Amino acid sequence: MSLNKEQEDLYKKTMEEAKRQLDGIDGEMEEELQKARERLAKLQESKKSFRQIYVSTAELLGAKVEIEEDEEDGAPTDGKSALKNLQ
């Protein structure tokens, strides 16, 4: 099936608009991903800080540490290591 000039122009304009929309969506997606990365980084820092507080106070009280070490953040689960990290 052959397109006439008018149809061809219409399809080209449609294709160009679709490409612009795709590029815009890609940009929005990247912005949202960056926001999520920043929020996760803040949460990880908070988690690390509270883990250090927990482990340190457990050590001071002579209590057993009842949380597991996260492999991702490398936060210690024994009080002595946590105290070294705080100093």
PDB file of N, CA and C in Angstrom:
ATOM      1  N   MET A   1       0.843  -1.180   0.000  1.00  0.00           N
ATOM      2  CA  MET A   1       0.000   0.000   0.000  1.00  0.00           C
ATOM      3  C   MET A   1       0.886   1.240   0.000  1.00  0.00           C
ATOM      4  N   SER A   2       0.598   2.120  -0.876  1.00  0.00           N
ATOM      5  CA  SER A   2       1.380   3.332  -1.042  1.00  0.00           C
ATOM      6  C   SER A   2       0.647   4.491  -0.375  1.00  0.00           C
ATOM      7  N   LEU A   3       1.432   5.354   0.282  1.00  0.00           N
ATOM      8  CA  LEU A   3       0.848   6.524   0.935  1.00  0.00           C
ATOM      9  C   LEU A   3       0.979   7.736   0.023  1.00  0.00           C
ATOM     10  N   ASN A   4      -0.034   8.584   0.060  1.00  0.00           N
ATOM     11  CA  ASN A   4       0.095   9.831  -0.688  1.00  0.00           C
ATOM     12  C   ASN A   4       0.886  10.817   0.165  1.00  0.00           C
ATOM     13  N   LYS A   5       1.225  11.937  -0.393  1.00  0.00           N
ATOM     14  CA  LYS A   5       2.075  12.936   0.280  1.00  0.00           C
ATOM     15  C   LYS A   5       1.445  13.403   1.594  1.00  0.00           C
ATOM     16  N   GLU A   6       0.166  13.660   1.602  1.00  0.00           N
ATOM     17  CA  GLU A   6      -0.532  14.137   2.802  1.00  0.00           C
ATOM     18  C   GLU A   6      -0.474  13.089   3.918  1.00  0.00           C
ATOM     19  N   GLN A   7      -0.708  11.834   3.582  1.00  0.00           N
ATOM     20  CA  GLN A   7      -0.663  10.766   4.570  1.00  0.00           C
ATOM     21  C   GLN A   7       0.766  10.584   5.107  1.00  0.00           C
ATOM     22  N   GLU A   8       1.720  10.645   4.222  1.00  0.00           N
ATOM     23  CA  GLU A   8       3.116  10.498   4.621  1.00  0.00           C
ATOM     24  C   GLU A   8       3.510  11.603   5.599  1.00  0.00           C
ATOM     25  N   ASP A   9       3.114  12.849   5.296  1.00  0.00           N
ATOM     26  CA  ASP A   9       3.417  13.967   6.192  1.00  0.00           C
ATOM     27  C   ASP A   9       2.759  13.779   7.551  1.00  0.00           C
ATOM     28  N   LEU A  10       1.518  13.331   7.553  1.00  0.00           N
ATOM     29  CA  LEU A  10       0.798  13.100   8.795  1.00  0.00           C
ATOM     30  C   LEU A  10       1.514  12.040   9.642  1.00  0.00           C
ATOM     31  N   TYR A  11       1.925  10.940   9.018  1.00  0.00           N
ATOM     32  CA  TYR A  11       2.615   9.875   9.750  1.00  0.00           C
ATOM     33  C   TYR A  11       3.981  10.329  10.251  1.00  0.00           C
ATOM     34  N   LYS A  12       4.675  11.141   9.471  1.00  0.00           N
ATOM     35  CA  LYS A  12       5.969  11.660   9.916  1.00  0.00           C
ATOM     36  C   LYS A  12       5.796  12.549  11.141  1.00  0.00           C
ATOM     37  N   LYS A  13       4.777  13.425  11.105  1.00  0.00           N
ATOM     38  CA  LYS A  13       4.515  14.302  12.252  1.00  0.00           C
ATOM     39  C   LYS A  13       4.124  13.485  13.478  1.00  0.00           C
ATOM     40  N   THR A  14       3.327  12.463  13.261  1.00  0.00           N
ATOM     41  CA  THR A  14       2.915  11.591  14.361  1.00  0.00           C
ATOM     42  C   THR A  14       4.124  10.881  14.955  1.00  0.00           C
ATOM     43  N   MET A  15       4.988  10.390  14.089  1.00  0.00           N
ATOM     44  CA  MET A  15       6.192   9.708  14.541  1.00  0.00           C
ATOM     45  C   MET A  15       7.101  10.655  15.326  1.00  0.00           C
ATOM     46  N   GLU A  16       7.280  11.888  14.845  1.00  0.00           N
ATOM     47  CA  GLU A  16       8.118  12.872  15.532  1.00  0.00           C
ATOM     48  C   GLU A  16       7.541  13.217  16.902  1.00  0.00           C
ATOM     49  N   GLU A  17       6.214  13.371  16.974  1.00  0.00           N
ATOM     50  CA  GLU A  17       5.577  13.684  18.256  1.00  0.00           C
ATOM     51  C   GLU A  17       5.726  12.516  19.229  1.00  0.00           C
ATOM     52  N   ALA A  18       5.563  11.307  18.736  1.00  0.00           N
ATOM     53  CA  ALA A  18       5.741  10.136  19.590  1.00  0.00           C
ATOM     54  C   ALA A  18       7.170  10.072  20.132  1.00  0.00           C
ATOM     55  N   LYS A  19       8.145  10.398  19.295  1.00  0.00           N
ATOM     56  CA  LYS A  19       9.550  10.405  19.721  1.00  0.00           C
ATOM     57  C   LYS A  19       9.786  11.454  20.797  1.00  0.00           C
ATOM     58  N   ARG A  20       9.205  12.650  20.622  1.00  0.00           N
ATOM     59  CA  ARG A  20       9.332  13.702  21.642  1.00  0.00           C
ATOM     60  C   ARG A  20       8.724  13.242  22.962  1.00  0.00           C
ATOM     61  N   GLN A  21       7.573  12.616  22.890  1.00  0.00           N
ATOM     62  CA  GLN A  21       6.913  12.121  24.104  1.00  0.00           C
ATOM     63  C   GLN A  21       7.767  11.053  24.790  1.00  0.00           C
ATOM     64  N   LEU A  22       8.318  10.161  24.014  1.00  0.00           N
ATOM     65  CA  LEU A  22       9.188   9.124  24.571  1.00  0.00           C
ATOM     66  C   LEU A  22      10.407   9.732  25.268  1.00  0.00           C
ATOM     67  N   ASP A  23      11.019  10.707  24.622  1.00  0.00           N
ATOM     68  CA  ASP A  23      12.178  11.371  25.219  1.00  0.00           C
ATOM     69  C   ASP A  23      11.795  12.073  26.518  1.00  0.00           C
ATOM     70  N   GLY A  24      10.629  12.705  26.521  1.00  0.00           N
ATOM     71  CA  GLY A  24      10.156  13.384  27.730  1.00  0.00           C
ATOM     72  C   GLY A  24       9.910  12.410  28.867  1.00  0.00           C
ATOM     73  N   ILE A  25       9.316  11.290  28.551  1.00  0.00           N
ATOM     74  CA  ILE A  25       9.054  10.270  29.567  1.00  0.00           C
ATOM     75  C   ILE A  25      10.362   9.707  30.102  1.00  0.00           C
ATOM     76  N   ASP A  26      11.318   9.486  29.222  1.00  0.00           N
ATOM     77  CA  ASP A  26      12.627   8.997  29.673  1.00  0.00           C
ATOM     78  C   ASP A  26      13.252   9.971  30.669  1.00  0.00           C
ATOM     79  N   GLY A  27      13.144  11.256  30.385  1.00  0.00           N
ATOM     80  CA  GLY A  27      13.680  12.270  31.293  1.00  0.00           C
ATOM     81  C   GLY A  27      12.976  12.259  32.640  1.00  0.00           C
ATOM     82  N   GLU A  28      11.655  12.158  32.616  1.00  0.00           N
ATOM     83  CA  GLU A  28      10.886  12.104  33.861  1.00  0.00           C
ATOM     84  C   GLU A  28      11.233  10.861  34.675  1.00  0.00           C
ATOM     85  N   MET A  29      11.383   9.744  33.983  1.00  0.00           N
ATOM     86  CA  MET A  29      11.738   8.508  34.674  1.00  0.00           C
ATOM     87  C   MET A  29      13.098   8.639  35.355  1.00  0.00           C
ATOM     88  N   GLU A  30      14.049   9.229  34.687  1.00  0.00           N
ATOM     89  CA  GLU A  30      15.380   9.398  35.261  1.00  0.00           C
ATOM     90  C   GLU A  30      15.330  10.304  36.488  1.00  0.00           C
ATOM     91  N   GLU A  31      14.529  11.377  36.422  1.00  0.00           N
ATOM     92  CA  GLU A  31      14.376  12.264  37.571  1.00  0.00           C
ATOM     93  C   GLU A  31      13.791  11.516  38.769  1.00  0.00           C
ATOM     94  N   GLU A  32      12.769  10.716  38.523  1.00  0.00           N
ATOM     95  CA  GLU A  32      12.132   9.960  39.604  1.00  0.00           C
ATOM     96  C   GLU A  32      13.085   8.926  40.185  1.00  0.00           C
ATOM     97  N   LEU A  33      13.868   8.273  39.326  1.00  0.00           N
ATOM     98  CA  LEU A  33      14.851   7.316  39.817  1.00  0.00           C
ATOM     99  C   LEU A  33      15.899   8.004  40.692  1.00  0.00           C
ATOM    100  N   GLN A  34      16.322   9.180  40.292  1.00  0.00           N
ATOM    101  CA  GLN A  34      17.313   9.913  41.081  1.00  0.00           C
ATOM    102  C   GLN A  34      16.744  10.287  42.444  1.00  0.00           C
ATOM    103  N   LYS A  35      15.488  10.726  42.483  1.00  0.00           N
ATOM    104  CA  LYS A  35      14.841  11.038  43.766  1.00  0.00           C
ATOM    105  C   LYS A  35      14.792   9.806  44.656  1.00  0.00           C
ATOM    106  N   ALA A  36      14.450   8.665  44.070  1.00  0.00           N
ATOM    107  CA  ALA A  36      14.373   7.423  44.838  1.00  0.00           C
ATOM    108  C   ALA A  36      15.753   7.025  45.361  1.00  0.00           C
ATOM    109  N   ARG A  37      16.781   7.182  44.542  1.00  0.00           N
ATOM    110  CA  ARG A  37      18.148   6.850  44.979  1.00  0.00           C
ATOM    111  C   ARG A  37      18.560   7.727  46.159  1.00  0.00           C
ATOM    112  N   GLU A  38      18.256   9.015  46.060  1.00  0.00           N
ATOM    113  CA  GLU A  38      18.610   9.941  47.142  1.00  0.00           C
ATOM    114  C   GLU A  38      17.874   9.589  48.427  1.00  0.00           C
ATOM    115  N   ARG A  39      16.602   9.262  48.326  1.00  0.00           N
ATOM    116  CA  ARG A  39      15.805   8.889  49.498  1.00  0.00           C
ATOM    117  C   ARG A  39      16.336   7.597  50.122  1.00  0.00           C
ATOM    118  N   LEU A  40      16.671   6.628  49.290  1.00  0.00           N
ATOM    119  CA  LEU A  40      17.229   5.378  49.801  1.00  0.00           C
ATOM    120  C   LEU A  40      18.565   5.612  50.504  1.00  0.00           C
ATOM    121  N   ALA A  41      19.385   6.479  49.960  1.00  0.00           N
ATOM    122  CA  ALA A  41      20.672   6.784  50.592  1.00  0.00           C
ATOM    123  C   ALA A  41      20.456   7.396  51.976  1.00  0.00           C
ATOM    124  N   LYS A  42      19.489   8.292  52.093  1.00  0.00           N
ATOM    125  CA  LYS A  42      19.180   8.900  53.395  1.00  0.00           C
ATOM    126  C   LYS A  42      18.675   7.851  54.377  1.00  0.00           C
ATOM    127  N   LEU A  43      17.817   6.971  53.905  1.00  0.00           N
ATOM    128  CA  LEU A  43      17.299   5.912  54.773  1.00  0.00           C
ATOM    129  C   LEU A  43      18.404   4.963  55.215  1.00  0.00           C
ATOM    130  N   GLN A  44      19.317   4.641  54.316  1.00  0.00           N
ATOM    131  CA  GLN A  44      20.428   3.767  54.680  1.00  0.00           C
ATOM    132  C   GLN A  44      21.314   4.411  55.738  1.00  0.00           C
ATOM    133  N   GLU A  45      21.551   5.711  55.617  1.00  0.00           N
ATOM    134  CA  GLU A  45      22.351   6.419  56.624  1.00  0.00           C
ATOM    135  C   GLU A  45      21.643   6.417  57.970  1.00  0.00           C
ATOM    136  N   SER A  46      20.340   6.647  57.957  1.00  0.00           N
ATOM    137  CA  SER A  46      19.569   6.610  59.207  1.00  0.00           C
ATOM    138  C   SER A  46      19.630   5.224  59.833  1.00  0.00           C
ATOM    139  N   LYS A  47      19.463   4.211  59.017  1.00  0.00           N
ATOM    140  CA  LYS A  47      19.504   2.842  59.509  1.00  0.00           C
ATOM    141  C   LYS A  47      20.863   2.537  60.133  1.00  0.00           C
ATOM    142  N   LYS A  48      21.909   2.963  59.466  1.00  0.00           N
ATOM    143  CA  LYS A  48      23.263   2.729  59.965  1.00  0.00           C
ATOM    144  C   LYS A  48      23.459   3.421  61.314  1.00  0.00           C
ATOM    145  N   SER A  49      22.992   4.651  61.425  1.00  0.00           N
ATOM    146  CA  SER A  49      23.134   5.398  62.670  1.00  0.00           C
ATOM    147  C   SER A  49      22.368   4.737  63.812  1.00  0.00           C
ATOM    148  N   PHE A  50      21.121   4.361  63.550  1.00  0.00           N
ATOM    149  CA  PHE A  50      20.326   3.727  64.596  1.00  0.00           C
ATOM    150  C   PHE A  50      20.863   2.349  64.963  1.00  0.00           C
ATOM    151  N   ARG A  51      21.429   1.649  63.997  1.00  0.00           N
ATOM    152  CA  ARG A  51      22.038   0.356  64.292  1.00  0.00           C
ATOM    153  C   ARG A  51      23.234   0.558  65.234  1.00  0.00           C
ATOM    154  N   GLN A  52      24.035   1.582  64.966  1.00  0.00           N
ATOM    155  CA  GLN A  52      25.187   1.852  65.828  1.00  0.00           C
ATOM    156  C   GLN A  52      24.730   2.207  67.241  1.00  0.00           C
ATOM    157  N   ILE A  53      23.679   3.010  67.352  1.00  0.00           N
ATOM    158  CA  ILE A  53      23.143   3.366  68.670  1.00  0.00           C
ATOM    159  C   ILE A  53      22.664   2.109  69.386  1.00  0.00           C
ATOM    160  N   TYR A  54      21.914   1.280  68.681  1.00  0.00           N
ATOM    161  CA  TYR A  54      21.372   0.052  69.267  1.00  0.00           C
ATOM    162  C   TYR A  54      22.482  -0.855  69.767  1.00  0.00           C
ATOM    163  N   VAL A  55      23.453  -1.107  68.916  1.00  0.00           N
ATOM    164  CA  VAL A  55      24.538  -2.029  69.265  1.00  0.00           C
ATOM    165  C   VAL A  55      25.370  -1.462  70.412  1.00  0.00           C
ATOM    166  N   SER A  56      25.621  -0.179  70.375  1.00  0.00           N
ATOM    167  CA  SER A  56      26.423   0.441  71.435  1.00  0.00           C
ATOM    168  C   SER A  56      25.712   0.396  72.775  1.00  0.00           C
ATOM    169  N   THR A  57      24.443   0.687  72.784  1.00  0.00           N
ATOM    170  CA  THR A  57      23.705   0.638  74.052  1.00  0.00           C
ATOM    171  C   THR A  57      23.564  -0.796  74.540  1.00  0.00           C
ATOM    172  N   ALA A  58      23.418  -1.741  73.636  1.00  0.00           N
ATOM    173  CA  ALA A  58      23.370  -3.145  74.036  1.00  0.00           C
ATOM    174  C   ALA A  58      24.683  -3.546  74.706  1.00  0.00           C
ATOM    175  N   GLU A  59      25.790  -3.100  74.139  1.00  0.00           N
ATOM    176  CA  GLU A  59      27.101  -3.393  74.715  1.00  0.00           C
ATOM    177  C   GLU A  59      27.221  -2.771  76.109  1.00  0.00           C
ATOM    178  N   LEU A  60      26.808  -1.524  76.262  1.00  0.00           N
ATOM    179  CA  LEU A  60      26.879  -0.858  77.560  1.00  0.00           C
ATOM    180  C   LEU A  60      26.026  -1.567  78.606  1.00  0.00           C
ATOM    181  N   LEU A  61      24.897  -2.090  78.182  1.00  0.00           N
ATOM    182  CA  LEU A  61      23.994  -2.784  79.104  1.00  0.00           C
ATOM    183  C   LEU A  61      24.350  -4.254  79.277  1.00  0.00           C
ATOM    184  N   GLY A  62      25.271  -4.732  78.472  1.00  0.00           N
ATOM    185  CA  GLY A  62      25.621  -6.142  78.512  1.00  0.00           C
ATOM    186  C   GLY A  62      24.522  -7.025  77.951  1.00  0.00           C
ATOM    187  N   ALA A  63      23.671  -6.443  77.108  1.00  0.00           N
ATOM    188  CA  ALA A  63      22.547  -7.170  76.526  1.00  0.00           C
ATOM    189  C   ALA A  63      22.972  -7.808  75.208  1.00  0.00           C
ATOM    190  N   LYS A  64      22.242  -8.857  74.872  1.00  0.00           N
ATOM    191  CA  LYS A  64      22.502  -9.533  73.606  1.00  0.00           C
ATOM    192  C   LYS A  64      21.964  -8.696  72.450  1.00  0.00           C
ATOM    193  N   VAL A  65      22.740  -8.596  71.392  1.00  0.00           N
ATOM    194  CA  VAL A  65      22.314  -7.882  70.186  1.00  0.00           C
ATOM    195  C   VAL A  65      21.379  -8.788  69.408  1.00  0.00           C
ATOM    196  N   GLU A  66      20.167  -8.306  69.171  1.00  0.00           N
ATOM    197  CA  GLU A  66      19.140  -9.136  68.541  1.00  0.00           C
ATOM    198  C   GLU A  66      18.827  -8.712  67.112  1.00  0.00           C
ATOM    199  N   ILE A  67      19.782  -8.092  66.459  1.00  0.00           N
ATOM    200  CA  ILE A  67      19.595  -7.737  65.058  1.00  0.00           C
ATOM    201  C   ILE A  67      20.718  -8.360  64.251  1.00  0.00           C
ATOM    202  N   GLU A  68      20.421  -8.630  62.993  1.00  0.00           N
ATOM    203  CA  GLU A  68      21.414  -9.236  62.122  1.00  0.00           C
ATOM    204  C   GLU A  68      22.206  -8.166  61.396  1.00  0.00           C
ATOM    205  N   GLU A  69      23.433  -8.518  61.035  1.00  0.00           N
ATOM    206  CA  GLU A  69      24.271  -7.604  60.266  1.00  0.00           C
ATOM    207  C   GLU A  69      23.797  -7.585  58.830  1.00  0.00           C
ATOM    208  N   ASP A  70      23.679  -6.401  58.276  1.00  0.00           N
ATOM    209  CA  ASP A  70      23.326  -6.264  56.865  1.00  0.00           C
ATOM    210  C   ASP A  70      24.591  -6.362  56.050  1.00  0.00           C
ATOM    211  N   GLU A  71      24.559  -7.213  55.050  1.00  0.00           N
ATOM    212  CA  GLU A  71      25.735  -7.356  54.190  1.00  0.00           C
ATOM    213  C   GLU A  71      25.977  -6.099  53.382  1.00  0.00           C
ATOM    214  N   GLU A  72      24.899  -5.394  53.026  1.00  0.00           N
ATOM    215  CA  GLU A  72      25.043  -4.212  52.181  1.00  0.00           C
ATOM    216  C   GLU A  72      25.765  -3.076  52.878  1.00  0.00           C
ATOM    217  N   ASP A  73      25.359  -2.779  54.120  1.00  0.00           N
ATOM    218  CA  ASP A  73      25.967  -1.618  54.769  1.00  0.00           C
ATOM    219  C   ASP A  73      27.142  -2.009  55.662  1.00  0.00           C
ATOM    220  N   GLY A  74      27.328  -3.306  55.897  1.00  0.00           N
ATOM    221  CA  GLY A  74      28.462  -3.755  56.680  1.00  0.00           C
ATOM    222  C   GLY A  74      28.397  -3.312  58.126  1.00  0.00           C
ATOM    223  N   ALA A  75      27.212  -2.974  58.605  1.00  0.00           N
ATOM    224  CA  ALA A  75      27.071  -2.515  59.977  1.00  0.00           C
ATOM    225  C   ALA A  75      27.366  -3.663  60.931  1.00  0.00           C
ATOM    226  N   PRO A  76      28.174  -3.424  61.945  1.00  0.00           N
ATOM    227  CA  PRO A  76      28.537  -4.483  62.875  1.00  0.00           C
ATOM    228  C   PRO A  76      27.360  -4.847  63.779  1.00  0.00           C
ATOM    229  N   THR A  77      27.361  -6.090  64.263  1.00  0.00           N
ATOM    230  CA  THR A  77      26.307  -6.501  65.182  1.00  0.00           C
ATOM    231  C   THR A  77      26.848  -6.711  66.585  1.00  0.00           C
ATOM    232  N   ASP A  78      28.141  -6.666  66.777  1.00  0.00           N
ATOM    233  CA  ASP A  78      28.651  -6.788  68.130  1.00  0.00           C
ATOM    234  C   ASP A  78      28.984  -5.402  68.663  1.00  0.00           C
ATOM    235  N   GLY A  79      28.766  -5.212  69.935  1.00  0.00           N
ATOM    236  CA  GLY A  79      28.935  -3.902  70.549  1.00  0.00           C
ATOM    237  C   GLY A  79      30.350  -3.365  70.466  1.00  0.00           C
ATOM    238  N   LYS A  80      31.349  -4.230  70.592  1.00  0.00           N
ATOM    239  CA  LYS A  80      32.736  -3.768  70.571  1.00  0.00           C
ATOM    240  C   LYS A  80      33.098  -3.141  69.234  1.00  0.00           C
ATOM    241  N   SER A  81      32.677  -3.762  68.140  1.00  0.00           N
ATOM    242  CA  SER A  81      32.970  -3.206  66.818  1.00  0.00           C
ATOM    243  C   SER A  81      32.259  -1.879  66.635  1.00  0.00           C
ATOM    244  N   ALA A  82      31.038  -1.807  67.135  1.00  0.00           N
ATOM    245  CA  ALA A  82      30.277  -0.563  67.006  1.00  0.00           C
ATOM    246  C   ALA A  82      30.940   0.557  67.788  1.00  0.00           C
ATOM    247  N   LEU A  83      31.436   0.229  68.975  1.00  0.00           N
ATOM    248  CA  LEU A  83      32.098   1.255  69.758  1.00  0.00           C
ATOM    249  C   LEU A  83      33.359   1.759  69.070  1.00  0.00           C
ATOM    250  N   LYS A  84      34.081   0.866  68.420  1.00  0.00           N
ATOM    251  CA  LYS A  84      35.277   1.272  67.676  1.00  0.00           C
ATOM    252  C   LYS A  84      34.897   2.205  66.529  1.00  0.00           C
ATOM    253  N   ASN A  85      33.781   1.910  65.872  1.00  0.00           N
ATOM    254  CA  ASN A  85      33.344   2.745  64.747  1.00  0.00           C
ATOM    255  C   ASN A  85      32.916   4.131  65.196  1.00  0.00           C
ATOM    256  N   LEU A  86      32.410   4.234  66.414  1.00  0.00           N
ATOM    257  CA  LEU A  86      31.950   5.527  66.898  1.00  0.00           C
ATOM    258  C   LEU A  86      33.116   6.409  67.312  1.00  0.00           C
ATOM    259  N   GLN A  87      34.239   5.818  67.668  1.00  0.00           N
ATOM    260  CA  GLN A  87      35.371   6.607  68.159  1.00  0.00           C
ATOM    261  C   GLN A  87      36.191   7.196  67.049  1.00  0.00           C
TER     262      GLN A  87
END
